[in-house]
């Protein structure tokens, strides 16, 4: 009886861990797909609409590109 409880407890623990890892992987994939939108929204919130209207579009594109690169470097520290 004790062994059955231990085995069923370990099976539940492993199943829970797999579900958690799968959920985190799906969330990470979702963030990777929408990173440009997320970064753009953060930049708009930080600078505001009026300031963004006065900045040339090339500078805005460079800021977005830099933020995306920074995000990728933080999530992939071994990349060069």
PDB file of N, CA and C in Angstrom:
ATOM      1  N   UNK A   1       0.836  -1.190   0.000  1.00  0.00           N
ATOM      2  CA  UNK A   1       0.000   0.000   0.000  1.00  0.00           C
ATOM      3  C   UNK A   1       0.881   1.254   0.000  1.00  0.00           C
ATOM      4  N   UNK A   2       1.945   1.223   0.810  1.00  0.00           N
ATOM      5  CA  UNK A   2       2.836   2.376   0.866  1.00  0.00           C
ATOM      6  C   UNK A   2       3.506   2.625  -0.495  1.00  0.00           C
ATOM      7  N   UNK A   3       3.963   1.556  -1.119  1.00  0.00           N
ATOM      8  CA  UNK A   3       4.629   1.663  -2.415  1.00  0.00           C
ATOM      9  C   UNK A   3       3.660   2.201  -3.466  1.00  0.00           C
ATOM     10  N   UNK A   4       2.401   1.754  -3.440  1.00  0.00           N
ATOM     11  CA  UNK A   4       1.404   2.255  -4.391  1.00  0.00           C
ATOM     12  C   UNK A   4       1.216   3.758  -4.216  1.00  0.00           C
ATOM     13  N   UNK A   5       1.134   4.215  -2.962  1.00  0.00           N
ATOM     14  CA  UNK A   5       0.976   5.652  -2.698  1.00  0.00           C
ATOM     15  C   UNK A   5       2.183   6.429  -3.203  1.00  0.00           C
ATOM     16  N   UNK A   6       3.362   5.930  -2.965  1.00  0.00           N
ATOM     17  CA  UNK A   6       4.578   6.603  -3.418  1.00  0.00           C
ATOM     18  C   UNK A   6       4.624   6.697  -4.939  1.00  0.00           C
ATOM     19  N   UNK A   7       4.324   5.597  -5.603  1.00  0.00           N
ATOM     20  CA  UNK A   7       4.354   5.578  -7.072  1.00  0.00           C
ATOM     21  C   UNK A   7       3.301   6.519  -7.640  1.00  0.00           C
ATOM     22  N   UNK A   8       2.079   6.468  -7.111  1.00  0.00           N
ATOM     23  CA  UNK A   8       1.028   7.350  -7.638  1.00  0.00           C
ATOM     24  C   UNK A   8       1.367   8.809  -7.342  1.00  0.00           C
ATOM     25  N   UNK A   9       1.973   9.089  -6.182  1.00  0.00           N
ATOM     26  CA  UNK A   9       2.394  10.460  -5.859  1.00  0.00           C
ATOM     27  C   UNK A   9       3.456  10.954  -6.822  1.00  0.00           C
ATOM     28  N   UNK A  10       4.420  10.099  -7.151  1.00  0.00           N
ATOM     29  CA  UNK A  10       5.477  10.482  -8.089  1.00  0.00           C
ATOM     30  C   UNK A  10       4.926  10.679  -9.504  1.00  0.00           C
ATOM     31  N   UNK A  11       3.978   9.834  -9.894  1.00  0.00           N
ATOM     32  CA  UNK A  11       3.360   9.976 -11.219  1.00  0.00           C
ATOM     33  C   UNK A  11       2.629  11.308 -11.311  1.00  0.00           C
ATOM     34  N   UNK A  12       1.887  11.663 -10.269  1.00  0.00           N
ATOM     35  CA  UNK A  12       1.178  12.950 -10.253  1.00  0.00           C
ATOM     36  C   UNK A  12       2.160  14.115 -10.297  1.00  0.00           C
ATOM     37  N   UNK A  13       3.257  13.988  -9.554  1.00  0.00           N
ATOM     38  CA  UNK A  13       4.269  15.044  -9.526  1.00  0.00           C
ATOM     39  C   UNK A  13       4.905  15.233 -10.903  1.00  0.00           C
ATOM     40  N   UNK A  14       5.231  14.136 -11.564  1.00  0.00           N
ATOM     41  CA  UNK A  14       5.820  14.205 -12.907  1.00  0.00           C
ATOM     42  C   UNK A  14       4.829  14.790 -13.903  1.00  0.00           C
ATOM     43  N   UNK A  15       3.575  14.383 -13.831  1.00  0.00           N
ATOM     44  CA  UNK A  15       2.551  14.908 -14.736  1.00  0.00           C
ATOM     45  C   UNK A  15       2.374  16.410 -14.538  1.00  0.00           C
ATOM     46  N   UNK A  16       2.358  16.846 -13.289  1.00  0.00           N
ATOM     47  CA  UNK A  16       2.205  18.271 -12.992  1.00  0.00           C
ATOM     48  C   UNK A  16       3.391  19.057 -13.528  1.00  0.00           C
ATOM     49  N   UNK A  17       4.586  18.516 -13.375  1.00  0.00           N
ATOM     50  CA  UNK A  17       5.787  19.176 -13.865  1.00  0.00           C
ATOM     51  C   UNK A  17       5.757  19.302 -15.391  1.00  0.00           C
ATOM     52  N   UNK A  18       5.314  18.250 -16.079  1.00  0.00           N
ATOM     53  CA  UNK A  18       5.239  18.291 -17.538  1.00  0.00           C
ATOM     54  C   UNK A  18       4.229  19.338 -18.008  1.00  0.00           C
ATOM     55  N   UNK A  19       3.096  19.418 -17.329  1.00  0.00           N
ATOM     56  CA  UNK A  19       2.086  20.415 -17.690  1.00  0.00           C
ATOM     57  C   UNK A  19       2.628  21.814 -17.480  1.00  0.00           C
ATOM     58  N   UNK A  20       3.324  22.033 -16.381  1.00  0.00           N
ATOM     59  CA  UNK A  20       3.900  23.346 -16.102  1.00  0.00           C
ATOM     60  C   UNK A  20       4.930  23.721 -17.157  1.00  0.00           C
ATOM     61  N   UNK A  21       5.805  22.798 -17.530  1.00  0.00           N
ATOM     62  CA  UNK A  21       6.821  23.068 -18.548  1.00  0.00           C
ATOM     63  C   UNK A  21       6.184  23.349 -19.900  1.00  0.00           C
ATOM     64  N   UNK A  22       5.147  22.597 -20.252  1.00  0.00           N
ATOM     65  CA  UNK A  22       4.457  22.812 -21.518  1.00  0.00           C
ATOM     66  C   UNK A  22       3.801  24.181 -21.544  1.00  0.00           C
ATOM     67  N   UNK A  23       3.176  24.564 -20.444  1.00  0.00           N
ATOM     68  CA  UNK A  23       2.519  25.868 -20.365  1.00  0.00           C
ATOM     69  C   UNK A  23       3.535  26.985 -20.501  1.00  0.00           C
ATOM     70  N   UNK A  24       4.673  26.864 -19.819  1.00  0.00           N
ATOM     71  CA  UNK A  24       5.712  27.880 -19.923  1.00  0.00           C
ATOM     72  C   UNK A  24       6.277  27.954 -21.338  1.00  0.00           C
ATOM     73  N   UNK A  25       6.436  26.808 -21.988  1.00  0.00           N
ATOM     74  CA  UNK A  25       6.948  26.797 -23.357  1.00  0.00           C
ATOM     75  C   UNK A  25       5.962  27.478 -24.304  1.00  0.00           C
ATOM     76  N   UNK A  26       4.669  27.203 -24.132  1.00  0.00           N
ATOM     77  CA  UNK A  26       3.656  27.853 -24.971  1.00  0.00           C
ATOM     78  C   UNK A  26       3.650  29.353 -24.745  1.00  0.00           C
ATOM     79  N   UNK A  27       3.786  29.767 -23.492  1.00  0.00           N
ATOM     80  CA  UNK A  27       3.804  31.193 -23.165  1.00  0.00           C
ATOM     81  C   UNK A  27       5.026  31.854 -23.788  1.00  0.00           C
ATOM     82  N   UNK A  28       6.171  31.191 -23.724  1.00  0.00           N
ATOM     83  CA  UNK A  28       7.391  31.725 -24.310  1.00  0.00           C
ATOM     84  C   UNK A  28       7.259  31.853 -25.820  1.00  0.00           C
ATOM     85  N   UNK A  29       6.680  30.849 -26.470  1.00  0.00           N
ATOM     86  CA  UNK A  29       6.472  30.913 -27.912  1.00  0.00           C
ATOM     87  C   UNK A  29       5.550  32.074 -28.269  1.00  0.00           C
ATOM     88  N   UNK A  30       4.504  32.258 -27.495  1.00  0.00           N
ATOM     89  CA  UNK A  30       3.582  33.360 -27.736  1.00  0.00           C
ATOM     90  C   UNK A  30       4.303  34.692 -27.625  1.00  0.00           C
ATOM     91  N   UNK A  31       5.158  34.830 -26.607  1.00  0.00           N
ATOM     92  CA  UNK A  31       5.892  36.085 -26.444  1.00  0.00           C
ATOM     93  C   UNK A  31       6.870  36.304 -27.589  1.00  0.00           C
ATOM     94  N   UNK A  32       7.513  35.240 -28.064  1.00  0.00           N
ATOM     95  CA  UNK A  32       8.439  35.384 -29.183  1.00  0.00           C
ATOM     96  C   UNK A  32       7.706  35.801 -30.449  1.00  0.00           C
ATOM     97  N   UNK A  33       6.496  35.320 -30.635  1.00  0.00           N
ATOM     98  CA  UNK A  33       5.721  35.683 -31.822  1.00  0.00           C
ATOM     99  C   UNK A  33       5.275  37.135 -31.772  1.00  0.00           C
ATOM    100  N   UNK A  34       4.979  37.657 -30.597  1.00  0.00           N
ATOM    101  CA  UNK A  34       4.431  38.996 -30.463  1.00  0.00           C
ATOM    102  C   UNK A  34       5.410  39.997 -29.873  1.00  0.00           C
ATOM    103  N   UNK A  35       6.688  39.706 -29.885  1.00  0.00           N
ATOM    104  CA  UNK A  35       7.653  40.576 -29.234  1.00  0.00           C
ATOM    105  C   UNK A  35       7.676  41.967 -29.863  1.00  0.00           C
ATOM    106  N   UNK A  36       7.532  42.058 -31.167  1.00  0.00           N
ATOM    107  CA  UNK A  36       7.562  43.376 -31.808  1.00  0.00           C
ATOM    108  C   UNK A  36       6.392  44.232 -31.344  1.00  0.00           C
ATOM    109  N   UNK A  37       5.214  43.623 -31.235  1.00  0.00           N
ATOM    110  CA  UNK A  37       4.043  44.366 -30.762  1.00  0.00           C
ATOM    111  C   UNK A  37       4.214  44.794 -29.308  1.00  0.00           C
ATOM    112  N   UNK A  38       4.759  43.914 -28.487  1.00  0.00           N
ATOM    113  CA  UNK A  38       4.964  44.225 -27.075  1.00  0.00           C
ATOM    114  C   UNK A  38       5.958  45.372 -26.926  1.00  0.00           C
ATOM    115  N   UNK A  39       7.061  45.306 -27.662  1.00  0.00           N
ATOM    116  CA  UNK A  39       8.083  46.351 -27.589  1.00  0.00           C
ATOM    117  C   UNK A  39       7.532  47.669 -28.106  1.00  0.00           C
ATOM    118  N   UNK A  40       6.805  47.629 -29.203  1.00  0.00           N
ATOM    119  CA  UNK A  40       6.220  48.853 -29.759  1.00  0.00           C
ATOM    120  C   UNK A  40       5.279  49.507 -28.755  1.00  0.00           C
ATOM    121  N   UNK A  41       4.465  48.717 -28.093  1.00  0.00           N
ATOM    122  CA  UNK A  41       3.533  49.243 -27.086  1.00  0.00           C
ATOM    123  C   UNK A  41       4.292  49.874 -25.926  1.00  0.00           C
ATOM    124  N   UNK A  42       5.361  49.224 -25.465  1.00  0.00           N
ATOM    125  CA  UNK A  42       6.146  49.781 -24.363  1.00  0.00           C
ATOM    126  C   UNK A  42       6.792  51.103 -24.751  1.00  0.00           C
ATOM    127  N   UNK A  43       7.283  51.185 -25.983  1.00  0.00           N
ATOM    128  CA  UNK A  43       7.907  52.417 -26.453  1.00  0.00           C
ATOM    129  C   UNK A  43       6.870  53.526 -26.552  1.00  0.00           C
ATOM    130  N   UNK A  44       5.684  53.201 -27.056  1.00  0.00           N
ATOM    131  CA  UNK A  44       4.618  54.204 -27.131  1.00  0.00           C
ATOM    132  C   UNK A  44       4.219  54.688 -25.739  1.00  0.00           C
ATOM    133  N   UNK A  45       4.133  53.779 -24.801  1.00  0.00           N
ATOM    134  CA  UNK A  45       3.790  54.162 -23.431  1.00  0.00           C
ATOM    135  C   UNK A  45       4.880  55.037 -22.809  1.00  0.00           C
ATOM    136  N   UNK A  46       6.130  54.728 -23.105  1.00  0.00           N
ATOM    137  CA  UNK A  46       7.245  55.465 -22.501  1.00  0.00           C
ATOM    138  C   UNK A  46       7.370  56.879 -23.078  1.00  0.00           C
ATOM    139  N   UNK A  47       7.364  56.983 -24.400  1.00  0.00           N
ATOM    140  CA  UNK A  47       7.580  58.284 -25.030  1.00  0.00           C
ATOM    141  C   UNK A  47       6.307  59.114 -25.150  1.00  0.00           C
ATOM    142  N   UNK A  48       5.179  58.471 -25.310  1.00  0.00           N
ATOM    143  CA  UNK A  48       3.934  59.213 -25.502  1.00  0.00           C
ATOM    144  C   UNK A  48       3.680  59.480 -26.979  1.00  0.00           C
ATOM    145  N   UNK A  49       2.434  59.728 -27.287  1.00  0.00           N
ATOM    146  CA  UNK A  49       2.029  59.901 -28.690  1.00  0.00           C
ATOM    147  C   UNK A  49       2.622  61.165 -29.326  1.00  0.00           C
ATOM    148  N   UNK A  50       2.624  62.274 -28.609  1.00  0.00           N
ATOM    149  CA  UNK A  50       3.082  63.542 -29.195  1.00  0.00           C
ATOM    150  C   UNK A  50       4.556  63.489 -29.541  1.00  0.00           C
ATOM    151  N   UNK A  51       5.359  62.933 -28.639  1.00  0.00           N
ATOM    152  CA  UNK A  51       6.796  62.843 -28.899  1.00  0.00           C
ATOM    153  C   UNK A  51       7.084  61.900 -30.061  1.00  0.00           C
ATOM    154  N   UNK A  52       6.337  60.798 -30.148  1.00  0.00           N
ATOM    155  CA  UNK A  52       6.560  59.859 -31.245  1.00  0.00           C
ATOM    156  C   UNK A  52       6.178  60.458 -32.597  1.00  0.00           C
ATOM    157  N   UNK A  53       5.230  61.350 -32.603  1.00  0.00           N
ATOM    158  CA  UNK A  53       4.856  62.005 -33.864  1.00  0.00           C
ATOM    159  C   UNK A  53       5.960  62.928 -34.366  1.00  0.00           C
ATOM    160  N   UNK A  54       6.761  63.477 -33.453  1.00  0.00           N
ATOM    161  CA  UNK A  54       7.821  64.417 -33.826  1.00  0.00           C
ATOM    162  C   UNK A  54       9.154  63.742 -34.137  1.00  0.00           C
ATOM    163  N   UNK A  55       9.288  62.479 -33.777  1.00  0.00           N
ATOM    164  CA  UNK A  55      10.538  61.747 -34.034  1.00  0.00           C
ATOM    165  C   UNK A  55      10.479  61.137 -35.433  1.00  0.00           C
ATOM    166  N   UNK A  56      11.579  61.224 -36.209  1.00  0.00           N
ATOM    167  CA  UNK A  56      11.593  60.578 -37.525  1.00  0.00           C
ATOM    168  C   UNK A  56      11.370  59.067 -37.414  1.00  0.00           C
ATOM    169  N   UNK A  57      10.731  58.502 -38.418  1.00  0.00           N
ATOM    170  CA  UNK A  57      10.372  57.081 -38.382  1.00  0.00           C
ATOM    171  C   UNK A  57      11.595  56.171 -38.321  1.00  0.00           C
ATOM    172  N   UNK A  58      12.713  56.590 -38.915  1.00  0.00           N
ATOM    173  CA  UNK A  58      13.919  55.755 -38.872  1.00  0.00           C
ATOM    174  C   UNK A  58      14.437  55.609 -37.447  1.00  0.00           C
ATOM    175  N   UNK A  59      14.325  56.655 -36.654  1.00  0.00           N
ATOM    176  CA  UNK A  59      14.778  56.586 -35.261  1.00  0.00           C
ATOM    177  C   UNK A  59      13.875  55.654 -34.465  1.00  0.00           C
ATOM    178  N   UNK A  60      12.578  55.734 -34.710  1.00  0.00           N
ATOM    179  CA  UNK A  60      11.638  54.838 -34.021  1.00  0.00           C
ATOM    180  C   UNK A  60      11.936  53.390 -34.382  1.00  0.00           C
ATOM    181  N   UNK A  61      12.199  53.124 -35.662  1.00  0.00           N
ATOM    182  CA  UNK A  61      12.536  51.760 -36.091  1.00  0.00           C
ATOM    183  C   UNK A  61      13.821  51.276 -35.425  1.00  0.00           C
ATOM    184  N   UNK A  62      14.807  52.187 -35.293  1.00  0.00           N
ATOM    185  CA  UNK A  62      16.063  51.812 -34.627  1.00  0.00           C
ATOM    186  C   UNK A  62      15.848  51.513 -33.145  1.00  0.00           C
ATOM    187  N   UNK A  63      14.989  52.282 -32.494  1.00  0.00           N
ATOM    188  CA  UNK A  63      14.693  52.044 -31.082  1.00  0.00           C
ATOM    189  C   UNK A  63      14.011  50.684 -30.915  1.00  0.00           C
ATOM    190  N   UNK A  64      13.034  50.401 -31.769  1.00  0.00           N
ATOM    191  CA  UNK A  64      12.332  49.118 -31.704  1.00  0.00           C
ATOM    192  C   UNK A  64      13.300  47.970 -31.952  1.00  0.00           C
ATOM    193  N   UNK A  65      14.155  48.119 -32.951  1.00  0.00           N
ATOM    194  CA  UNK A  65      15.139  47.080 -33.256  1.00  0.00           C
ATOM    195  C   UNK A  65      16.089  46.859 -32.079  1.00  0.00           C
ATOM    196  N   UNK A  66      16.544  47.935 -31.458  1.00  0.00           N
ATOM    197  CA  UNK A  66      17.447  47.816 -30.314  1.00  0.00           C
ATOM    198  C   UNK A  66      16.756  47.127 -29.139  1.00  0.00           C
ATOM    199  N   UNK A  67      15.498  47.459 -28.901  1.00  0.00           N
ATOM    200  CA  UNK A  67      14.764  46.826 -27.804  1.00  0.00           C
ATOM    201  C   UNK A  67      14.551  45.334 -28.061  1.00  0.00           C
ATOM    202  N   UNK A  68      14.264  44.969 -29.299  1.00  0.00           N
ATOM    203  CA  UNK A  68      14.101  43.553 -29.640  1.00  0.00           C
ATOM    204  C   UNK A  68      15.416  42.809 -29.461  1.00  0.00           C
ATOM    205  N   UNK A  69      16.524  43.422 -29.896  1.00  0.00           N
ATOM    206  CA  UNK A  69      17.843  42.803 -29.695  1.00  0.00           C
ATOM    207  C   UNK A  69      18.157  42.644 -28.215  1.00  0.00           C
ATOM    208  N   UNK A  70      17.850  43.661 -27.424  1.00  0.00           N
ATOM    209  CA  UNK A  70      18.083  43.594 -25.980  1.00  0.00           C
ATOM    210  C   UNK A  70      17.254  42.473 -25.358  1.00  0.00           C
ATOM    211  N   UNK A  71      16.003  42.354 -25.773  1.00  0.00           N
ATOM    212  CA  UNK A  71      15.136  41.282 -25.279  1.00  0.00           C
ATOM    213  C   UNK A  71      15.730  39.913 -25.615  1.00  0.00           C
ATOM    214  N   UNK A  72      16.191  39.758 -26.859  1.00  0.00           N
ATOM    215  CA  UNK A  72      16.780  38.474 -27.277  1.00  0.00           C
ATOM    216  C   UNK A  72      18.064  38.166 -26.520  1.00  0.00           C
ATOM    217  N   UNK A  73      18.895  39.170 -26.273  1.00  0.00           N
ATOM    218  CA  UNK A  73      20.129  38.942 -25.513  1.00  0.00           C
ATOM    219  C   UNK A  73      19.826  38.540 -24.079  1.00  0.00           C
ATOM    220  N   UNK A  74      18.782  39.122 -23.494  1.00  0.00           N
ATOM    221  CA  UNK A  74      18.422  38.759 -22.117  1.00  0.00           C
ATOM    222  C   UNK A  74      17.901  37.332 -22.040  1.00  0.00           C
ATOM    223  N   UNK A  75      17.183  36.877 -23.079  1.00  0.00           N
ATOM    224  CA  UNK A  75      16.609  35.548 -23.041  1.00  0.00           C
ATOM    225  C   UNK A  75      17.542  34.472 -23.609  1.00  0.00           C
ATOM    226  N   UNK A  76      18.571  34.896 -24.328  1.00  0.00           N
ATOM    227  CA  UNK A  76      19.551  33.956 -24.882  1.00  0.00           C
ATOM    228  C   UNK A  76      20.955  34.468 -24.552  1.00  0.00           C
ATOM    229  N   UNK A  77      21.367  34.340 -23.305  1.00  0.00           N
ATOM    230  CA  UNK A  77      22.660  34.927 -22.919  1.00  0.00           C
ATOM    231  C   UNK A  77      23.869  34.277 -23.596  1.00  0.00           C
ATOM    232  N   UNK A  78      23.716  33.063 -24.114  1.00  0.00           N
ATOM    233  CA  UNK A  78      24.850  32.392 -24.750  1.00  0.00           C
ATOM    234  C   UNK A  78      25.012  32.787 -26.209  1.00  0.00           C
ATOM    235  N   UNK A  79      24.036  33.517 -26.763  1.00  0.00           N
ATOM    236  CA  UNK A  79      24.167  33.933 -28.158  1.00  0.00           C
ATOM    237  C   UNK A  79      25.186  35.052 -28.244  1.00  0.00           C
ATOM    238  N   UNK A  80      25.814  35.135 -29.382  1.00  0.00           N
ATOM    239  CA  UNK A  80      26.874  36.121 -29.530  1.00  0.00           C
ATOM    240  C   UNK A  80      26.502  37.147 -30.536  1.00  0.00           C
TER     241      UNK A  80
END
